[in-house]
PDB file of N, CA and C in Angstrom:
ATOM      1  N   MET A   1      11.683  15.954   4.087  1.00  0.00           N
ATOM      2  CA  MET A   1      11.690  16.654   2.816  1.00  0.00           C
ATOM      3  C   MET A   1      11.177  15.734   1.715  1.00  0.00           C
ATOM      4  N   PRO A   2      10.477  16.296   0.761  1.00  0.00           N
ATOM      5  CA  PRO A   2       9.979  15.488  -0.360  1.00  0.00           C
ATOM      6  C   PRO A   2      11.115  14.981  -1.248  1.00  0.00           C
ATOM      7  N   ARG A   3      10.835  13.886  -1.919  1.00  0.00           N
ATOM      8  CA  ARG A   3      11.793  13.258  -2.825  1.00  0.00           C
ATOM      9  C   ARG A   3      11.298  13.474  -4.252  1.00  0.00           C
ATOM     10  N   TYR A   4      12.179  13.938  -5.140  1.00  0.00           N
ATOM     11  CA  TYR A   4      11.823  14.210  -6.521  1.00  0.00           C
ATOM     12  C   TYR A   4      12.769  13.491  -7.465  1.00  0.00           C
ATOM     13  N   ARG A   5      12.229  13.076  -8.630  1.00  0.00           N
ATOM     14  CA  ARG A   5      13.059  12.470  -9.671  1.00  0.00           C
ATOM     15  C   ARG A   5      13.262  13.490 -10.774  1.00  0.00           C
ATOM     16  N   TYR A   6      14.497  13.596 -11.239  1.00  0.00           N
ATOM     17  CA  TYR A   6      14.848  14.510 -12.315  1.00  0.00           C
ATOM     18  C   TYR A   6      15.565  13.760 -13.421  1.00  0.00           C
ATOM     19  N   GLU A   7      15.414  14.256 -14.660  1.00  0.00           N
ATOM     20  CA  GLU A   7      16.136  13.714 -15.806  1.00  0.00           C
ATOM     21  C   GLU A   7      16.820  14.857 -16.534  1.00  0.00           C
ATOM     22  N   CYS A   8      18.074  14.644 -16.895  1.00  0.00           N
ATOM     23  CA  CYS A   8      18.824  15.652 -17.641  1.00  0.00           C
ATOM     24  C   CYS A   8      18.408  15.556 -19.106  1.00  0.00           C
ATOM     25  N   THR A   9      18.011  16.686 -19.704  1.00  0.00           N
ATOM     26  CA  THR A   9      17.612  16.696 -21.108  1.00  0.00           C
ATOM     27  C   THR A   9      18.823  16.621 -22.030  1.00  0.00           C
ATOM     28  N   SER A  10      20.008  16.844 -21.489  1.00  0.00           N
ATOM     29  CA  SER A  10      21.224  16.794 -22.294  1.00  0.00           C
ATOM     30  C   SER A  10      21.817  15.380 -22.351  1.00  0.00           C
ATOM     31  N   CYS A  11      22.076  14.782 -21.189  1.00  0.00           N
ATOM     32  CA  CYS A  11      22.734  13.471 -21.165  1.00  0.00           C
ATOM     33  C   CYS A  11      21.798  12.323 -20.786  1.00  0.00           C
ATOM     34  N   GLY A  12      20.590  12.601 -20.328  1.00  0.00           N
ATOM     35  CA  GLY A  12      19.628  11.564 -19.985  1.00  0.00           C
ATOM     36  C   GLY A  12      19.819  10.957 -18.609  1.00  0.00           C
ATOM     37  N   ASP A  13      20.673  11.542 -17.779  1.00  0.00           N
ATOM     38  CA  ASP A  13      20.937  11.031 -16.434  1.00  0.00           C
ATOM     39  C   ASP A  13      19.688  11.180 -15.569  1.00  0.00           C
ATOM     40  N   LEU A  14      19.353  10.101 -14.836  1.00  0.00           N
ATOM     41  CA  LEU A  14      18.224  10.124 -13.906  1.00  0.00           C
ATOM     42  C   LEU A  14      18.749  10.216 -12.485  1.00  0.00           C
ATOM     43  N   VAL A  15      18.222  11.161 -11.707  1.00  0.00           N
ATOM     44  CA  VAL A  15      18.647  11.320 -10.319  1.00  0.00           C
ATOM     45  C   VAL A  15      17.428  11.493  -9.431  1.00  0.00           C
ATOM     46  N   MET A  16      17.590  11.135  -8.162  1.00  0.00           N
ATOM     47  CA  MET A  16      16.565  11.362  -7.158  1.00  0.00           C
ATOM     48  C   MET A  16      17.124  12.375  -6.168  1.00  0.00           C
ATOM     49  N   VAL A  17      16.371  13.445  -5.938  1.00  0.00           N
ATOM     50  CA  VAL A  17      16.856  14.557  -5.121  1.00  0.00           C
ATOM     51  C   VAL A  17      15.844  14.849  -4.015  1.00  0.00           C
ATOM     52  N   PHE A  18      16.349  15.095  -2.809  1.00  0.00           N
ATOM     53  CA  PHE A  18      15.515  15.522  -1.689  1.00  0.00           C
ATOM     54  C   PHE A  18      15.680  17.031  -1.537  1.00  0.00           C
ATOM     55  N   HIS A  19      14.573  17.755  -1.589  1.00  0.00           N
ATOM     56  CA  HIS A  19      14.625  19.210  -1.363  1.00  0.00           C
ATOM     57  C   HIS A  19      13.240  19.721  -1.016  1.00  0.00           C
ATOM     58  N   GLY A  20      13.161  20.966  -0.615  1.00  0.00           N
ATOM     59  CA  GLY A  20      11.899  21.584  -0.253  1.00  0.00           C
ATOM     60  C   GLY A  20      10.977  21.731  -1.452  1.00  0.00           C
ATOM     61  N   ILE A  21       9.703  21.980  -1.201  1.00  0.00           N
ATOM     62  CA  ILE A  21       8.702  22.075  -2.261  1.00  0.00           C
ATOM     63  C   ILE A  21       8.992  23.227  -3.216  1.00  0.00           C
ATOM     64  N   LYS A  22       9.434  24.337  -2.687  1.00  0.00           N
ATOM     65  CA  LYS A  22       9.653  25.511  -3.525  1.00  0.00           C
ATOM     66  C   LYS A  22      11.030  25.537  -4.189  1.00  0.00           C
ATOM     67  N   GLU A  23      11.892  24.625  -3.820  1.00  0.00           N
ATOM     68  CA  GLU A  23      13.229  24.575  -4.420  1.00  0.00           C
ATOM     69  C   GLU A  23      13.192  23.808  -5.734  1.00  0.00           C
ATOM     70  N   LYS A  24      14.230  24.023  -6.573  1.00  0.00           N
ATOM     71  CA  LYS A  24      14.347  23.306  -7.839  1.00  0.00           C
ATOM     72  C   LYS A  24      15.773  22.829  -8.013  1.00  0.00           C
ATOM     73  N   HIS A  25      15.906  21.725  -8.712  1.00  0.00           N
ATOM     74  CA  HIS A  25      17.217  21.171  -9.048  1.00  0.00           C
ATOM     75  C   HIS A  25      17.390  21.398 -10.548  1.00  0.00           C
ATOM     76  N   THR A  26      18.290  22.286 -10.947  1.00  0.00           N
ATOM     77  CA  THR A  26      18.363  22.667 -12.354  1.00  0.00           C
ATOM     78  C   THR A  26      19.634  22.226 -13.068  1.00  0.00           C
ATOM     79  N   ASP A  27      20.732  22.027 -12.355  1.00  0.00           N
ATOM     80  CA  ASP A  27      22.009  21.736 -12.996  1.00  0.00           C
ATOM     81  C   ASP A  27      22.366  20.260 -12.877  1.00  0.00           C
ATOM     82  N   CYS A  28      22.841  19.676 -13.984  1.00  0.00           N
ATOM     83  CA  CYS A  28      23.232  18.273 -14.017  1.00  0.00           C
ATOM     84  C   CYS A  28      24.664  18.148 -13.509  1.00  0.00           C
ATOM     85  N   LYS A  29      24.862  17.266 -12.539  1.00  0.00           N
ATOM     86  CA  LYS A  29      26.196  17.052 -11.983  1.00  0.00           C
ATOM     87  C   LYS A  29      27.024  16.128 -12.873  1.00  0.00           C
ATOM     88  N   LYS A  30      26.364  15.271 -13.643  1.00  0.00           N
ATOM     89  CA  LYS A  30      27.081  14.320 -14.477  1.00  0.00           C
ATOM     90  C   LYS A  30      27.728  14.991 -15.693  1.00  0.00           C
ATOM     91  N   CYS A  31      26.942  15.798 -16.434  1.00  0.00           N
ATOM     92  CA  CYS A  31      27.490  16.438 -17.639  1.00  0.00           C
ATOM     93  C   CYS A  31      27.833  17.913 -17.426  1.00  0.00           C
ATOM     94  N   SER A  32      27.615  18.428 -16.218  1.00  0.00           N
ATOM     95  CA  SER A  32      27.932  19.812 -15.831  1.00  0.00           C
ATOM     96  C   SER A  32      27.199  20.869 -16.657  1.00  0.00           C
ATOM     97  N   GLN A  33      26.048  20.515 -17.211  1.00  0.00           N
ATOM     98  CA  GLN A  33      25.233  21.485 -17.961  1.00  0.00           C
ATOM     99  C   GLN A  33      24.283  22.194 -16.998  1.00  0.00           C
ATOM    100  N   GLU A  34      24.010  23.452 -17.300  1.00  0.00           N
ATOM    101  CA  GLU A  34      23.115  24.242 -16.459  1.00  0.00           C
ATOM    102  C   GLU A  34      21.719  24.274 -17.062  1.00  0.00           C
ATOM    103  N   ASN A  35      20.709  24.298 -16.185  1.00  0.00           N
ATOM    104  CA  ASN A  35      19.289  24.386 -16.550  1.00  0.00           C
ATOM    105  C   ASN A  35      18.849  23.279 -17.511  1.00  0.00           C
ATOM    106  N   THR A  36      19.317  22.063 -17.291  1.00  0.00           N
ATOM    107  CA  THR A  36      18.934  20.949 -18.155  1.00  0.00           C
ATOM    108  C   THR A  36      18.108  19.900 -17.417  1.00  0.00           C
ATOM    109  N   MET A  37      17.911  20.043 -16.135  1.00  0.00           N
ATOM    110  CA  MET A  37      17.182  19.037 -15.362  1.00  0.00           C
ATOM    111  C   MET A  37      15.676  19.284 -15.434  1.00  0.00           C
ATOM    112  N   LYS A  38      14.939  18.227 -15.770  1.00  0.00           N
ATOM    113  CA  LYS A  38      13.484  18.290 -15.891  1.00  0.00           C
ATOM    114  C   LYS A  38      12.888  17.389 -14.814  1.00  0.00           C
ATOM    115  N   LYS A  39      11.957  17.923 -14.011  1.00  0.00           N
ATOM    116  CA  LYS A  39      11.322  17.146 -12.947  1.00  0.00           C
ATOM    117  C   LYS A  39      10.337  16.174 -13.579  1.00  0.00           C
ATOM    118  N   LEU A  40      10.414  14.903 -13.160  1.00  0.00           N
ATOM    119  CA  LEU A  40       9.533  13.863 -13.667  1.00  0.00           C
ATOM    120  C   LEU A  40       8.352  13.667 -12.723  1.00  0.00           C
ATOM    121  N   LEU A  41       7.246  13.195 -13.274  1.00  0.00           N
ATOM    122  CA  LEU A  41       6.082  12.896 -12.446  1.00  0.00           C
ATOM    123  C   LEU A  41       6.351  11.628 -11.654  1.00  0.00           C
ATOM    124  N   SER A  42       5.871  11.604 -10.454  1.00  0.00           N
ATOM    125  CA  SER A  42       6.033  10.425  -9.613  1.00  0.00           C
ATOM    126  C   SER A  42       4.749  10.176  -8.846  1.00  0.00           C
ATOM    127  N   THR A  43       4.559   8.937  -8.441  1.00  0.00           N
ATOM    128  CA  THR A  43       3.364   8.597  -7.680  1.00  0.00           C
ATOM    129  C   THR A  43       3.583   8.947  -6.217  1.00  0.00           C
ATOM    130  N   PRO A  44       2.565   9.452  -5.553  1.00  0.00           N
ATOM    131  CA  PRO A  44       2.709   9.781  -4.139  1.00  0.00           C
ATOM    132  C   PRO A  44       2.821   8.515  -3.298  1.00  0.00           C
ATOM    133  N   PHE A  45       3.454   8.637  -2.176  1.00  0.00           N
ATOM    134  CA  PHE A  45       3.646   7.527  -1.252  1.00  0.00           C
ATOM    135  C   PHE A  45       2.781   7.768  -0.037  1.00  0.00           C
ATOM    136  N   ALA A  46       1.834   6.873   0.209  1.00  0.00           N
ATOM    137  CA  ALA A  46       0.943   7.024   1.354  1.00  0.00           C
ATOM    138  C   ALA A  46       1.093   5.817   2.271  1.00  0.00           C
ATOM    139  N   ILE A  47       1.187   6.079   3.551  1.00  0.00           N
ATOM    140  CA  ILE A  47       1.293   5.021   4.536  1.00  0.00           C
ATOM    141  C   ILE A  47      -0.110   4.717   5.048  1.00  0.00           C
ATOM    142  N   LYS A  48      -0.511   3.468   4.897  1.00  0.00           N
ATOM    143  CA  LYS A  48      -1.833   3.064   5.365  1.00  0.00           C
ATOM    144  C   LYS A  48      -1.706   2.468   6.749  1.00  0.00           C
ATOM    145  N   LYS A  49      -2.546   2.949   7.640  1.00  0.00           N
ATOM    146  CA  LYS A  49      -2.524   2.437   9.006  1.00  0.00           C
ATOM    147  C   LYS A  49      -3.451   1.239   9.116  1.00  0.00           C
ATOM    148  N   LYS A  50      -3.057   0.276   9.907  1.00  0.00           N
ATOM    149  CA  LYS A  50      -3.892  -0.899  10.134  1.00  0.00           C
ATOM    150  C   LYS A  50      -5.035  -0.527  11.073  1.00  0.00           C
ATOM    151  N   ALA A  51      -6.147  -1.153  10.841  1.00  0.00           N
ATOM    152  CA  ALA A  51      -7.295  -0.930  11.719  1.00  0.00           C
ATOM    153  C   ALA A  51      -7.001  -1.540  13.087  1.00  0.00           C
ATOM    154  N   ALA A  52      -7.262  -0.766  14.098  1.00  0.00           N
ATOM    155  CA  ALA A  52      -7.006  -1.254  15.459  1.00  0.00           C
ATOM    156  C   ALA A  52      -8.092  -2.254  15.836  1.00  0.00           C
ATOM    157  N   SER A  53      -7.673  -3.441  16.199  1.00  0.00           N
ATOM    158  CA  SER A  53      -8.614  -4.483  16.583  1.00  0.00           C
ATOM    159  C   SER A  53      -8.065  -5.204  17.801  1.00  0.00           C
ATOM    160  N   ASP A  54      -8.958  -5.479  18.743  1.00  0.00           N
ATOM    161  CA  ASP A  54      -8.553  -6.179  19.952  1.00  0.00           C
ATOM    162  C   ASP A  54      -8.421  -7.683  19.714  1.00  0.00           C
ATOM    163  N   LYS A  55      -9.129  -8.186  18.708  1.00  0.00           N
ATOM    164  CA  LYS A  55      -9.146  -9.615  18.456  1.00  0.00           C
ATOM    165  C   LYS A  55      -8.186  -9.969  17.323  1.00  0.00           C
ATOM    166  N   LYS A  56      -7.640 -11.157  17.418  1.00  0.00           N
ATOM    167  CA  LYS A  56      -6.782 -11.664  16.356  1.00  0.00           C
ATOM    168  C   LYS A  56      -7.650 -12.359  15.323  1.00  0.00           C
ATOM    169  N   ILE A  57      -7.136 -12.454  14.105  1.00  0.00           N
ATOM    170  CA  ILE A  57      -7.887 -13.092  13.028  1.00  0.00           C
ATOM    171  C   ILE A  57      -8.216 -14.539  13.383  1.00  0.00           C
ATOM    172  N   GLY A  58      -7.270 -15.249  13.953  1.00  0.00           N
ATOM    173  CA  GLY A  58      -7.505 -16.646  14.337  1.00  0.00           C
ATOM    174  C   GLY A  58      -8.640 -16.793  15.318  1.00  0.00           C
ATOM    175  N   ASP A  59      -8.733 -15.872  16.275  1.00  0.00           N
ATOM    176  CA  ASP A  59      -9.812 -15.928  17.268  1.00  0.00           C
ATOM    177  C   ASP A  59     -11.175 -15.705  16.616  1.00  0.00           C
ATOM    178  N   ILE A  60     -11.235 -14.777  15.695  1.00  0.00           N
ATOM    179  CA  ILE A  60     -12.491 -14.488  14.993  1.00  0.00           C
ATOM    180  C   ILE A  60     -12.905 -15.694  14.156  1.00  0.00           C
ATOM    181  N   THR A  61     -11.933 -16.309  13.480  1.00  0.00           N
ATOM    182  CA  THR A  61     -12.221 -17.488  12.661  1.00  0.00           C
ATOM    183  C   THR A  61     -12.732 -18.632  13.511  1.00  0.00           C
ATOM    184  N   LYS A  62     -12.106 -18.878  14.640  1.00  0.00           N
ATOM    185  CA  LYS A  62     -12.558 -19.949  15.541  1.00  0.00           C
ATOM    186  C   LYS A  62     -13.985 -19.698  16.016  1.00  0.00           C
ATOM    187  N   LYS A  63     -14.305 -18.459  16.309  1.00  0.00           N
ATOM    188  CA  LYS A  63     -15.648 -18.104  16.762  1.00  0.00           C
ATOM    189  C   LYS A  63     -16.680 -18.448  15.688  1.00  0.00           C
ATOM    190  N   TYR A  64     -16.408 -18.081  14.427  1.00  0.00           N
ATOM    191  CA  TYR A  64     -17.345 -18.365  13.347  1.00  0.00           C
ATOM    192  C   TYR A  64     -17.467 -19.865  13.092  1.00  0.00           C
ATOM    193  N   ILE A  65     -16.373 -20.604  13.203  1.00  0.00           N
ATOM    194  CA  ILE A  65     -16.424 -22.052  13.025  1.00  0.00           C
ATOM    195  C   ILE A  65     -17.325 -22.677  14.081  1.00  0.00           C
ATOM    196  N   GLU A  66     -17.150 -22.282  15.333  1.00  0.00           N
ATOM    197  CA  GLU A  66     -17.975 -22.835  16.412  1.00  0.00           C
ATOM    198  C   GLU A  66     -19.450 -22.494  16.209  1.00  0.00           C
ATOM    199  N   GLU A  67     -19.743 -21.261  15.800  1.00  0.00           N
ATOM    200  CA  GLU A  67     -21.133 -20.869  15.562  1.00  0.00           C
ATOM    201  C   GLU A  67     -21.735 -21.691  14.429  1.00  0.00           C
ATOM    202  N   ASN A  68     -20.965 -21.916  13.370  1.00  0.00           N
ATOM    203  CA  ASN A  68     -21.480 -22.683  12.237  1.00  0.00           C
ATOM    204  C   ASN A  68     -21.617 -24.165  12.573  1.00  0.00           C
ATOM    205  N   ARG A  69     -20.812 -24.693  13.472  1.00  0.00           N
ATOM    206  CA  ARG A  69     -20.967 -26.078  13.918  1.00  0.00           C
ATOM    207  C   ARG A  69     -22.314 -26.263  14.601  1.00  0.00           C
ATOM    208  N   GLU A  70     -22.678 -25.314  15.435  1.00  0.00           N
ATOM    209  CA  GLU A  70     -23.966 -25.387  16.135  1.00  0.00           C
ATOM    210  C   GLU A  70     -25.116 -25.325  15.130  1.00  0.00           C
ATOM    211  N   ILE A  71     -25.018 -24.462  14.161  1.00  0.00           N
ATOM    212  CA  ILE A  71     -26.063 -24.347  13.135  1.00  0.00           C
ATOM    213  C   ILE A  71     -26.161 -25.650  12.355  1.00  0.00           C
ATOM    214  N   LEU A  72     -25.011 -26.224  11.994  1.00  0.00           N
ATOM    215  CA  LEU A  72     -24.989 -27.481  11.253  1.00  0.00           C
ATOM    216  C   LEU A  72     -25.612 -28.619  12.058  1.00  0.00           C
ATOM    217  N   LYS A  73     -25.324 -28.684  13.359  1.00  0.00           N
ATOM    218  CA  LYS A  73     -25.918 -29.708  14.219  1.00  0.00           C
ATOM    219  C   LYS A  73     -27.439 -29.585  14.232  1.00  0.00           C
ATOM    220  N   GLN A  74     -27.935 -28.341  14.327  1.00  0.00           N
ATOM    221  CA  GLN A  74     -29.375 -28.116  14.339  1.00  0.00           C
ATOM    222  C   GLN A  74     -30.004 -28.546  13.017  1.00  0.00           C
ATOM    223  N   GLN A  75     -29.341 -28.224  11.903  1.00  0.00           N
ATOM    224  CA  GLN A  75     -29.875 -28.586  10.592  1.00  0.00           C
ATOM    225  C   GLN A  75     -29.891 -30.102  10.408  1.00  0.00           C
ATOM    226  N   LYS A  76     -28.855 -30.800  10.885  1.00  0.00           N
ATOM    227  CA  LYS A  76     -28.823 -32.258  10.792  1.00  0.00           C
ATOM    228  C   LYS A  76     -29.960 -32.874  11.615  1.00  0.00           C
ATOM    229  N   LYS A  77     -30.155 -32.315  12.808  1.00  0.00           N
ATOM    230  CA  LYS A  77     -31.210 -32.823  13.679  1.00  0.00           C
ATOM    231  C   LYS A  77     -32.574 -32.640  13.017  1.00  0.00           C
ATOM    232  N   GLU A  78     -32.835 -31.464  12.424  1.00  0.00           N
ATOM    233  CA  GLU A  78     -34.096 -31.201  11.743  1.00  0.00           C
ATOM    234  C   GLU A  78     -34.282 -32.118  10.544  1.00  0.00           C
ATOM    235  N   ALA A  79     -33.195 -32.380   9.812  1.00  0.00           N
ATOM    236  CA  ALA A  79     -33.280 -33.259   8.636  1.00  0.00           C
ATOM    237  C   ALA A  79     -33.617 -34.684   9.055  1.00  0.00           C
ATOM    238  N   LYS A  80     -33.036 -35.166  10.159  1.00  0.00           N
ATOM    239  CA  LYS A  80     -33.340 -36.519  10.660  1.00  0.00           C
ATOM    240  C   LYS A  80     -34.796 -36.619  11.088  1.00  0.00           C
ATOM    241  N   GLU A  81     -35.302 -35.575  11.724  1.00  0.00           N
ATOM    242  CA  GLU A  81     -36.699 -35.584  12.178  1.00  0.00           C
ATOM    243  C   GLU A  81     -37.659 -35.606  10.997  1.00  0.00           C
ATOM    244  N   LYS A  82     -37.316 -34.914   9.928  1.00  0.00           N
ATOM    245  CA  LYS A  82     -38.187 -34.885   8.752  1.00  0.00           C
ATOM    246  C   LYS A  82     -38.200 -36.220   8.036  1.00  0.00           C
ATOM    247  N   ASN A  83     -37.070 -36.927   8.038  1.00  0.00           N
ATOM    248  CA  ASN A  83     -36.975 -38.203   7.327  1.00  0.00           C
ATOM    249  C   ASN A  83     -37.610 -39.355   8.101  1.00  0.00           C
ATOM    250  N   THR A  84     -37.787 -39.245   9.399  1.00  0.00           N
ATOM    251  CA  THR A  84     -38.346 -40.338  10.179  1.00  0.00           C
ATOM    252  C   THR A  84     -39.813 -40.245  10.365  1.00  0.00           C
TER     253      THR A  84
END
């Protein structure tokens, strides 16, 4: 069931109520006044799913480090050849 926040216009009491979409919470339990509850706007709650990946971040990082080591070795070798 959805969760809604209400505020009493009479006493200012804030409550969180779980009820169906078409239902309304109108009476304040704290001050016992009828038709004083006003529904407040709230931000929606969305659950984000993680992307499914077979590889761990550490494994991917190690792979890139090894690839860049090879590139660096080649660049050093080319630089030595140019200087000699």
